[in-house]
N, C-alpha and C. Protein backbone atom coordinates (compact mmCIF):
# COMPACT_ATOMS: atom_id res chain seq x y z
N MET A 1 -64.35 4.91 28.51
CA MET A 1 -65.66 5.10 28.28
C MET A 1 -66.53 5.30 29.57
N GLY A 2 -67.76 5.69 29.38
CA GLY A 2 -68.55 5.92 30.61
C GLY A 2 -68.27 7.41 30.87
N VAL A 3 -68.50 7.74 32.31
CA VAL A 3 -68.32 9.10 32.66
C VAL A 3 -67.62 9.05 34.11
N SER A 4 -66.96 10.05 34.51
CA SER A 4 -66.47 10.10 35.74
C SER A 4 -66.83 11.31 36.67
N LYS A 5 -66.88 10.94 37.92
CA LYS A 5 -67.28 12.00 38.81
C LYS A 5 -66.32 12.29 39.88
N PHE A 6 -66.05 13.77 39.92
CA PHE A 6 -64.85 14.07 40.99
C PHE A 6 -65.40 14.60 42.16
N ASP A 7 -65.14 14.05 43.28
CA ASP A 7 -65.83 14.60 44.55
C ASP A 7 -64.81 15.54 45.17
N GLY A 8 -63.71 16.10 44.70
CA GLY A 8 -63.01 16.99 45.21
C GLY A 8 -61.55 16.38 45.47
N ASP A 9 -61.60 14.92 45.68
CA ASP A 9 -60.48 14.41 46.15
C ASP A 9 -60.23 13.25 45.19
N TYR A 10 -61.24 12.45 44.69
CA TYR A 10 -61.13 11.25 44.06
C TYR A 10 -62.08 11.26 42.74
N PHE A 11 -61.67 10.62 41.70
CA PHE A 11 -62.65 10.28 40.63
C PHE A 11 -63.18 9.00 40.79
N PHE A 12 -64.49 8.96 40.48
CA PHE A 12 -65.34 7.90 40.38
C PHE A 12 -65.60 7.63 39.06
N ASN A 13 -65.53 6.27 38.53
CA ASN A 13 -65.78 6.04 37.03
C ASN A 13 -67.16 5.30 36.94
N TYR A 14 -68.15 5.80 36.28
CA TYR A 14 -69.38 4.88 36.01
C TYR A 14 -69.39 4.46 34.55
N THR A 15 -69.72 3.09 34.47
CA THR A 15 -69.87 2.56 33.20
C THR A 15 -71.17 1.82 33.18
N GLU A 16 -71.34 1.03 31.98
CA GLU A 16 -72.64 0.16 31.96
C GLU A 16 -72.55 -0.77 33.16
N ASN A 17 -71.27 -1.37 33.68
CA ASN A 17 -71.17 -2.13 34.55
C ASN A 17 -71.71 -1.39 35.99
N GLU A 18 -71.44 -0.19 36.13
CA GLU A 18 -71.80 0.44 37.37
C GLU A 18 -73.18 1.21 37.28
N GLY A 19 -73.98 1.03 36.26
CA GLY A 19 -75.38 1.46 36.14
C GLY A 19 -75.67 2.34 35.07
N LEU A 20 -74.77 2.92 34.20
CA LEU A 20 -75.15 3.69 33.08
C LEU A 20 -75.75 2.83 32.07
N SER A 21 -76.57 3.46 31.22
CA SER A 21 -77.41 2.67 30.14
C SER A 21 -76.45 2.53 28.98
N GLY A 22 -75.44 3.06 28.72
CA GLY A 22 -74.61 3.10 27.66
C GLY A 22 -73.24 3.71 27.90
N ASN A 23 -72.22 3.19 27.47
CA ASN A 23 -70.89 3.65 27.80
C ASN A 23 -70.52 4.99 26.87
N LEU A 24 -71.13 5.10 25.80
CA LEU A 24 -70.83 6.38 24.89
C LEU A 24 -71.84 7.49 25.10
N ILE A 25 -71.37 8.53 25.65
CA ILE A 25 -72.29 9.56 26.16
C ILE A 25 -72.08 10.77 25.32
N TRP A 26 -73.40 11.22 24.85
CA TRP A 26 -73.22 12.31 23.85
C TRP A 26 -73.49 13.68 24.60
N SER A 27 -74.26 13.70 25.55
CA SER A 27 -74.66 14.76 26.26
C SER A 27 -74.95 14.65 27.61
N VAL A 28 -74.74 15.56 28.58
CA VAL A 28 -75.07 15.47 30.02
C VAL A 28 -75.57 16.81 30.50
N PHE A 29 -76.61 16.71 31.36
CA PHE A 29 -77.19 18.00 31.94
C PHE A 29 -77.84 17.56 33.34
N GLU A 30 -77.88 18.81 34.07
CA GLU A 30 -78.38 18.74 35.43
C GLU A 30 -79.82 19.31 35.35
N ASP A 31 -80.78 18.66 35.84
CA ASP A 31 -82.23 19.21 35.85
C ASP A 31 -82.31 20.11 37.08
N ASN A 32 -83.73 20.80 37.21
CA ASN A 32 -83.77 21.67 38.29
C ASN A 32 -83.92 21.08 39.60
N GLU A 33 -84.01 19.63 39.70
CA GLU A 33 -84.01 18.96 40.95
C GLU A 33 -82.71 18.40 41.34
N GLY A 34 -81.58 18.78 40.66
CA GLY A 34 -80.37 18.23 40.79
C GLY A 34 -79.92 16.83 40.32
N ILE A 35 -80.89 16.37 39.42
CA ILE A 35 -80.70 15.03 38.85
C ILE A 35 -79.80 15.25 37.64
N ILE A 36 -78.81 14.28 37.52
CA ILE A 36 -77.97 14.27 36.15
C ILE A 36 -78.50 13.35 35.03
N TRP A 37 -78.62 13.82 33.96
CA TRP A 37 -79.17 13.14 32.80
C TRP A 37 -77.96 12.80 31.89
N PHE A 38 -78.07 11.75 31.17
CA PHE A 38 -77.06 11.22 30.39
C PHE A 38 -77.72 10.72 28.98
N ALA A 39 -77.25 11.38 27.81
CA ALA A 39 -77.79 11.10 26.53
C ALA A 39 -76.82 10.00 26.18
N THR A 40 -77.29 8.76 25.81
CA THR A 40 -76.13 7.81 25.20
C THR A 40 -76.36 7.50 23.69
N TYR A 41 -75.39 6.91 23.09
CA TYR A 41 -75.59 6.39 21.79
C TYR A 41 -75.87 4.88 21.84
N GLY A 42 -77.05 4.51 21.69
CA GLY A 42 -77.58 3.15 21.72
C GLY A 42 -78.20 2.71 23.13
N GLY A 43 -77.92 3.62 24.14
CA GLY A 43 -78.55 3.04 25.48
C GLY A 43 -79.69 3.71 25.82
N GLY A 44 -80.16 4.57 25.17
CA GLY A 44 -81.30 5.60 25.52
C GLY A 44 -80.91 6.73 26.53
N VAL A 45 -81.64 7.11 27.41
CA VAL A 45 -81.29 8.09 28.28
C VAL A 45 -81.28 7.37 29.91
N CYS A 46 -80.36 7.90 30.54
CA CYS A 46 -80.45 7.41 31.97
C CYS A 46 -80.15 8.84 32.87
N ASN A 47 -80.80 8.74 33.97
CA ASN A 47 -80.41 9.67 35.00
C ASN A 47 -79.72 9.16 36.27
N PHE A 48 -79.22 10.14 37.04
CA PHE A 48 -78.44 9.63 38.17
C PHE A 48 -78.78 10.72 39.26
N ASP A 49 -79.54 10.22 40.40
CA ASP A 49 -79.86 11.23 41.57
C ASP A 49 -78.75 11.11 42.50
N GLY A 50 -77.53 10.70 42.35
CA GLY A 50 -76.51 10.56 43.41
C GLY A 50 -76.40 9.39 44.01
N ASN A 51 -77.32 8.55 43.82
CA ASN A 51 -77.24 7.12 44.50
C ASN A 51 -77.68 6.00 43.38
N ASN A 52 -78.71 6.33 42.62
CA ASN A 52 -79.28 5.22 41.78
C ASN A 52 -79.41 5.75 40.41
N PHE A 53 -79.23 4.79 39.41
CA PHE A 53 -79.52 5.09 38.06
C PHE A 53 -80.96 4.75 37.54
N ARG A 54 -81.49 5.50 36.67
CA ARG A 54 -82.80 5.10 36.13
C ARG A 54 -82.75 5.24 34.57
N HIS A 55 -83.24 4.26 34.02
CA HIS A 55 -83.04 4.00 32.59
C HIS A 55 -84.32 4.20 31.77
N PHE A 56 -84.27 4.91 30.54
CA PHE A 56 -85.36 5.21 29.74
C PHE A 56 -84.99 4.75 28.39
N THR A 57 -85.60 3.70 27.65
CA THR A 57 -85.10 3.29 26.41
C THR A 57 -86.51 3.09 25.62
N GLU A 58 -86.49 2.41 24.48
CA GLU A 58 -87.58 2.38 23.61
C GLU A 58 -88.82 1.56 24.23
N SER A 59 -88.29 0.76 25.26
CA SER A 59 -89.18 0.00 26.03
C SER A 59 -90.20 0.89 26.91
N GLU A 60 -89.51 2.00 27.46
CA GLU A 60 -90.26 2.89 28.31
C GLU A 60 -90.92 3.97 27.50
N GLY A 61 -90.87 3.93 26.08
CA GLY A 61 -91.41 5.00 25.30
C GLY A 61 -90.72 5.92 24.47
N LEU A 62 -89.28 5.70 24.51
CA LEU A 62 -88.49 6.58 23.71
C LEU A 62 -88.71 6.23 22.30
N SER A 63 -88.66 7.08 21.36
CA SER A 63 -88.74 6.79 19.95
C SER A 63 -87.45 6.19 19.49
N ASP A 64 -86.35 6.35 20.04
CA ASP A 64 -85.00 5.82 19.58
C ASP A 64 -84.00 5.60 20.67
N ASN A 65 -83.13 4.70 20.80
CA ASN A 65 -82.16 4.77 21.84
C ASN A 65 -80.95 5.47 21.50
N ILE A 66 -80.72 5.94 20.33
CA ILE A 66 -79.83 6.89 19.99
C ILE A 66 -80.09 8.26 20.34
N ILE A 67 -79.42 8.77 21.27
CA ILE A 67 -79.65 10.19 21.82
C ILE A 67 -78.57 10.98 21.66
N SER A 68 -78.97 12.25 21.03
CA SER A 68 -77.90 13.21 20.74
C SER A 68 -77.74 14.29 21.81
N THR A 69 -79.00 14.91 22.35
CA THR A 69 -79.18 15.82 23.13
C THR A 69 -80.22 15.66 24.01
N ILE A 70 -80.17 16.46 25.20
CA ILE A 70 -81.25 16.46 26.13
C ILE A 70 -81.20 17.85 26.85
N ILE A 71 -82.30 18.30 27.14
CA ILE A 71 -82.48 19.72 27.95
C ILE A 71 -83.72 19.62 28.73
N GLU A 72 -83.76 20.58 29.71
CA GLU A 72 -85.15 20.75 30.45
C GLU A 72 -85.55 22.13 30.18
N ASP A 73 -86.75 22.24 29.85
CA ASP A 73 -87.40 23.72 29.56
C ASP A 73 -87.80 24.30 30.92
N LYS A 74 -88.25 25.65 30.71
CA LYS A 74 -88.51 26.36 31.93
C LYS A 74 -89.63 25.88 32.62
N THR A 75 -90.47 24.89 32.12
CA THR A 75 -91.71 24.43 32.75
C THR A 75 -91.42 23.00 33.34
N GLY A 76 -90.11 22.58 33.02
CA GLY A 76 -89.84 21.27 33.71
C GLY A 76 -89.91 20.15 32.82
N ILE A 77 -90.36 20.39 31.65
CA ILE A 77 -90.47 19.28 30.61
C ILE A 77 -89.02 19.00 29.99
N ILE A 78 -88.79 17.62 29.99
CA ILE A 78 -87.38 17.15 29.35
C ILE A 78 -87.69 16.91 27.72
N TRP A 79 -86.78 17.47 27.11
CA TRP A 79 -86.74 17.38 25.57
C TRP A 79 -85.55 16.74 25.18
N ILE A 80 -85.73 15.55 24.50
CA ILE A 80 -84.69 14.57 24.17
C ILE A 80 -84.58 14.49 22.50
N GLY A 81 -83.37 14.90 22.00
CA GLY A 81 -83.25 14.78 20.60
C GLY A 81 -82.76 13.42 20.17
N THR A 82 -83.31 12.79 19.24
CA THR A 82 -82.84 11.48 18.79
C THR A 82 -82.71 11.47 17.30
N ASN A 83 -82.48 10.14 16.76
CA ASN A 83 -82.22 9.87 15.34
C ASN A 83 -83.73 9.65 14.86
N SER A 84 -84.85 9.72 15.74
CA SER A 84 -86.13 9.50 15.17
C SER A 84 -86.97 10.59 15.84
N GLY A 85 -86.46 11.87 15.84
CA GLY A 85 -87.35 13.02 16.20
C GLY A 85 -87.04 13.39 17.61
N VAL A 86 -87.95 14.33 18.12
CA VAL A 86 -87.88 14.76 19.55
C VAL A 86 -88.87 13.98 20.36
N ASN A 87 -88.27 13.72 21.70
CA ASN A 87 -89.18 13.12 22.64
C ASN A 87 -89.46 14.24 23.72
N LYS A 88 -90.64 14.32 24.20
CA LYS A 88 -90.98 15.20 25.13
C LYS A 88 -91.39 14.34 26.36
N TYR A 89 -90.71 14.56 27.61
CA TYR A 89 -90.98 13.80 28.78
C TYR A 89 -91.41 14.67 29.71
N ASN A 90 -92.69 14.33 30.30
CA ASN A 90 -93.41 15.15 31.32
C ASN A 90 -93.08 14.57 32.67
N GLY A 91 -92.33 13.60 32.83
CA GLY A 91 -92.09 12.90 34.20
C GLY A 91 -92.94 11.80 34.31
N GLU A 92 -93.68 11.43 33.34
CA GLU A 92 -94.56 10.23 33.30
C GLU A 92 -94.58 9.58 32.08
N LEU A 93 -94.79 10.41 30.83
CA LEU A 93 -94.96 9.89 29.71
C LEU A 93 -94.32 10.46 28.71
N PHE A 94 -93.73 9.72 27.47
CA PHE A 94 -93.09 10.31 26.35
C PHE A 94 -94.09 10.67 25.32
N THR A 95 -94.00 11.89 24.66
CA THR A 95 -94.72 12.04 23.50
C THR A 95 -93.67 12.55 22.35
N HIS A 96 -93.87 12.38 21.11
CA HIS A 96 -92.91 12.46 20.20
C HIS A 96 -93.27 13.50 18.93
N LEU A 97 -92.43 14.20 18.48
CA LEU A 97 -92.50 15.22 17.34
C LEU A 97 -91.57 14.42 16.37
N THR A 98 -92.02 14.55 15.24
CA THR A 98 -91.12 13.96 14.09
C THR A 98 -91.53 14.87 12.90
N GLN A 99 -90.98 14.68 11.63
CA GLN A 99 -91.26 15.39 10.52
C GLN A 99 -92.75 15.36 10.24
N ASN A 100 -93.43 14.36 10.40
CA ASN A 100 -94.95 14.24 10.13
C ASN A 100 -95.62 15.40 10.97
N GLU A 101 -95.00 15.81 12.12
CA GLU A 101 -95.57 16.72 12.91
C GLU A 101 -95.13 18.17 12.64
N GLY A 102 -94.10 18.27 11.78
CA GLY A 102 -93.71 19.56 11.22
C GLY A 102 -92.15 19.78 11.55
N LEU A 103 -91.56 18.94 12.32
CA LEU A 103 -90.34 19.12 12.71
C LEU A 103 -89.28 18.97 11.36
N ILE A 104 -88.36 19.77 11.42
CA ILE A 104 -87.45 19.94 9.97
C ILE A 104 -86.72 18.60 9.78
N SER A 105 -86.44 17.81 10.68
CA SER A 105 -85.82 16.58 10.34
C SER A 105 -85.97 15.65 11.55
N ASP A 106 -85.92 14.34 11.24
CA ASP A 106 -86.10 13.40 12.50
C ASP A 106 -84.74 13.08 13.04
N ASN A 107 -83.68 13.62 12.44
CA ASN A 107 -82.34 13.55 13.16
C ASN A 107 -82.09 14.82 13.88
N ILE A 108 -82.18 14.99 15.11
CA ILE A 108 -82.03 16.05 15.87
C ILE A 108 -80.67 15.94 16.58
N TYR A 109 -79.80 17.06 16.34
CA TYR A 109 -78.58 17.17 16.99
C TYR A 109 -78.46 18.00 18.14
N ASN A 110 -79.19 19.07 18.29
CA ASN A 110 -79.21 19.96 19.48
C ASN A 110 -80.60 20.66 19.52
N ILE A 111 -80.79 20.98 20.86
CA ILE A 111 -82.02 21.68 21.16
C ILE A 111 -81.61 22.76 22.26
N ILE A 112 -82.18 23.85 22.16
CA ILE A 112 -81.88 24.89 23.12
C ILE A 112 -83.39 25.57 23.25
N GLU A 113 -83.41 26.18 24.38
CA GLU A 113 -84.63 27.11 24.76
C GLU A 113 -84.17 28.64 24.75
N ASP A 114 -84.97 29.47 23.92
CA ASP A 114 -84.81 30.84 24.17
C ASP A 114 -85.36 31.48 25.31
N LYS A 115 -85.17 32.80 25.48
CA LYS A 115 -85.65 33.62 26.66
C LYS A 115 -87.13 33.58 26.66
N LYS A 116 -87.87 33.45 25.47
CA LYS A 116 -89.32 33.45 25.42
C LYS A 116 -89.88 32.16 25.60
N GLY A 117 -89.07 31.09 25.73
CA GLY A 117 -89.61 29.69 25.97
C GLY A 117 -89.85 28.87 24.62
N ASN A 118 -89.28 29.46 23.57
CA ASN A 118 -89.41 28.82 22.20
C ASN A 118 -88.31 27.79 22.37
N LEU A 119 -88.42 26.84 21.61
CA LEU A 119 -87.40 25.65 21.52
C LEU A 119 -86.84 25.95 19.95
N TRP A 120 -85.61 25.56 19.94
CA TRP A 120 -84.86 25.68 18.57
C TRP A 120 -84.23 24.12 18.40
N PHE A 121 -84.44 23.68 17.30
CA PHE A 121 -83.98 22.26 17.12
C PHE A 121 -82.92 22.40 16.04
N GLY A 122 -81.81 21.76 16.00
CA GLY A 122 -80.76 21.72 15.18
C GLY A 122 -80.62 20.33 14.53
N SER A 123 -80.41 20.30 13.13
CA SER A 123 -80.46 19.11 12.38
C SER A 123 -79.73 19.05 11.19
N ALA A 124 -79.31 18.15 10.57
CA ALA A 124 -78.62 18.05 9.32
C ALA A 124 -79.28 18.93 8.24
N ASN A 125 -80.68 19.02 8.40
CA ASN A 125 -81.43 19.61 7.41
C ASN A 125 -81.77 21.10 7.79
N GLY A 126 -81.02 21.67 8.77
CA GLY A 126 -81.08 23.01 9.07
C GLY A 126 -81.75 23.19 10.58
N VAL A 127 -82.22 24.40 10.87
CA VAL A 127 -82.75 24.80 12.09
C VAL A 127 -84.13 25.11 12.01
N CYS A 128 -84.96 24.70 13.09
CA CYS A 128 -86.23 25.16 13.14
C CYS A 128 -86.59 25.60 14.57
N ASN A 129 -87.64 26.57 14.59
CA ASN A 129 -88.08 27.26 15.88
C ASN A 129 -89.51 26.54 16.00
N TYR A 130 -89.72 26.24 17.40
CA TYR A 130 -90.95 25.71 17.79
C TYR A 130 -91.51 26.36 19.04
N ASN A 131 -92.75 27.10 18.76
CA ASN A 131 -93.27 28.03 19.78
C ASN A 131 -94.44 27.24 20.62
N HIS A 132 -94.33 25.79 20.55
CA HIS A 132 -95.33 24.93 21.20
C HIS A 132 -96.53 24.82 20.63
N SER A 133 -96.72 25.44 19.38
CA SER A 133 -97.98 25.17 18.33
C SER A 133 -97.57 25.16 17.05
N SER A 134 -96.65 25.87 16.67
CA SER A 134 -96.16 25.88 15.28
C SER A 134 -94.59 25.86 15.03
N PHE A 135 -94.18 25.51 13.80
CA PHE A 135 -92.73 25.56 13.47
C PHE A 135 -92.48 26.71 12.49
N THR A 136 -91.25 27.25 12.78
CA THR A 136 -90.67 28.17 11.78
C THR A 136 -89.32 27.64 11.28
N TYR A 137 -89.09 27.69 9.91
CA TYR A 137 -87.87 27.19 9.57
C TYR A 137 -86.94 28.23 9.11
N PHE A 138 -85.68 28.11 9.46
CA PHE A 138 -84.57 28.99 9.10
C PHE A 138 -83.58 28.37 8.08
N SER A 139 -84.00 27.31 7.33
CA SER A 139 -83.53 26.87 6.33
C SER A 139 -84.12 26.00 5.56
N LYS A 140 -83.98 25.50 4.35
CA LYS A 140 -84.87 24.71 3.55
C LYS A 140 -85.24 23.48 4.37
N LYS A 141 -86.58 23.08 4.35
CA LYS A 141 -87.16 22.07 4.91
C LYS A 141 -86.87 20.91 3.89
N MET A 142 -86.40 19.83 4.36
CA MET A 142 -86.35 18.65 3.45
C MET A 142 -87.42 17.66 3.61
N ALA A 143 -87.73 17.02 2.50
CA ALA A 143 -88.84 15.79 2.65
C ALA A 143 -88.19 14.70 3.25
């Protein structure tokens, strides 16, 4: 459990005991500043700058601590898919998108950004596209 880093010679294992916010990792990505982000099942999100871990949970404003996916868009916004919708992190604050705001489902499994900067959210209810002002559904929206 946890993650391992290979420096070319050795593997270093990181777990909750070494700073991760959870041992079950669903997704990993590197942002434009070289910081590694980890989406955990139950431990929220944490990032690693090469020396220190920083944790983000419901206490810091996440809508849920079960995280399935995480990306950074072209403008530097971090998008986090959870069991309670999508969290948008601008480096200081979290804002949330849910079915109440038009999201196809609150259980988001995947997020990608297309060449035009639109976001695509994958869920058990299907896929929707978000152009930063409205949603387009590509399968039946469930209530």
